[in-house]
Amino acid sequence: KANFITLIEPAHESFQLCVHNVTAALGGSVDRISFQECACGADDGESRLLFFPGLPSNSCLDEFESLKRSHIAKDGAFNPDLVQYLTASERRETVARRRLSSLLPRPPGG
């Protein structure tokens, strides 16, 4: 039986929370979910992740840091008074990077 859902999250803290929350919400019935602690990229390897615990959806790989900081601070996406608070505990982690095609299930015979 192929997985129905592939959950991909590179940040270790967020990954653990996702696994816990999804498992709890589904009463432990996660046999058709593939949990992948990695980033997606053009090739397999490692990347550095800029992780914002206060703003996890805006975490990014190092190569996109300048674009992300511009979005957070200058593009009006967030209240300027909150930017310092939301990004104060930022940190970097080395994460696995995998091609999306290697993470998704292949159909039978495909």
Foldseek 3Di string as FASTA:
>chain_A
DAAPEEAEAADPVVLVVVVVVVCVVVVNPRPRYHRHHFAEDPAWDKFKKWAQPLCRVLIGTPVCVVVSVCVLQPPPPDDNVCSCVRRVPIDMDMTIYHHVVVRHDDPVVD
